[in-house]
Amino acid sequence: MTASAGVSITAQRVAAYRLGFARAPAPFGDPEAEERLARDVAGVGDFDRSERMERYLRARTAFFDRVVVGALERGVTQVVVVGAGYDGRALRYAKPGVRWFEVDHPATHADKRARLERLGLEAGHVAFVAADLTRPGLGAALTEHGCATQTPSLMLCEGVAVYLEEAVIASVARELGSVAAAGSAFAISGSPVADPELRRRFEARVAAIGEPARSSTTAAELNPLLEAAGWHATQLPQEAADAGFVVARRGYAPSATPTFITT
């Protein structure tokens, strides 16, 4: 998601990459519905694929899939997806009694909803929350759309932080914390540990399509931002931390382990 007025090109490309990935299984949901949406999105045009990006997205998708499935299997009934783009987990992992809140720019929402309607895909369990992450009001927008502040939630911010300045990341963490009950979890991806040349290439690629990177915050740098907002980072395998992944909890001591995650 970006602050631009257009539909996110990077979100379209992530959907295209994911078509080739094996996904975490679950005893609920409609994987075919998500794949139909992804195929529809992937048809927007060709692009030069990066083998390195594909490997990274495969690992990131698998990690966030496991976080979602683990949380839903343990009874979480609210999932908030910040910068949702064309993410189809609300379809793939749809579960009776679970409400999803997808936060993004109105233009991306409009395009996604039009595709869902045209494809005949049911999304009545999804609330589409329009928000500009660079401005205050995310917490209020979520509650206006029915997010229950007394119910533990899973909150996801996958592939978004790199497009936000650190001050905005901190603001998003505070806004989500304002509506997060004790026991809520926040999974976020920062920049993977990489050499400056690789990072420069990535920044050049996204800048070329008009969606420039605005931060290179790693997992180690995200942790204090989340702690300051009242989120307590959990211990993850070193491989996950090196990839830039963080999972934090609300209302638990820093030593608490993320029991909803499978490895």
Foldseek 3Di string as FASTA:
>chain_A
DALDQAADPVLLVLLQLCLPEDEDDAPDFDPVLLNQLSVVSVPPDDDDDDPVVSVLSNVLRRQVRQLVRLVVVVPAQEEEEEQCQSPDCCHRVPDPNHAYEYEDAPNSVVVSVVSCVVVVHDDPSYHYFYDDLVDPDPLVSCVVSPQALQGAYEYEYEPPQQLDALVSLLRVLLSVLVSHHAFHKYKYFAAADDDPVVVVVVQVVCVVVPRGGHDRQALVRVQVSNVVSQWAWEDDPPVCRNSRMTMTGHPDHNDDHPSSGDD
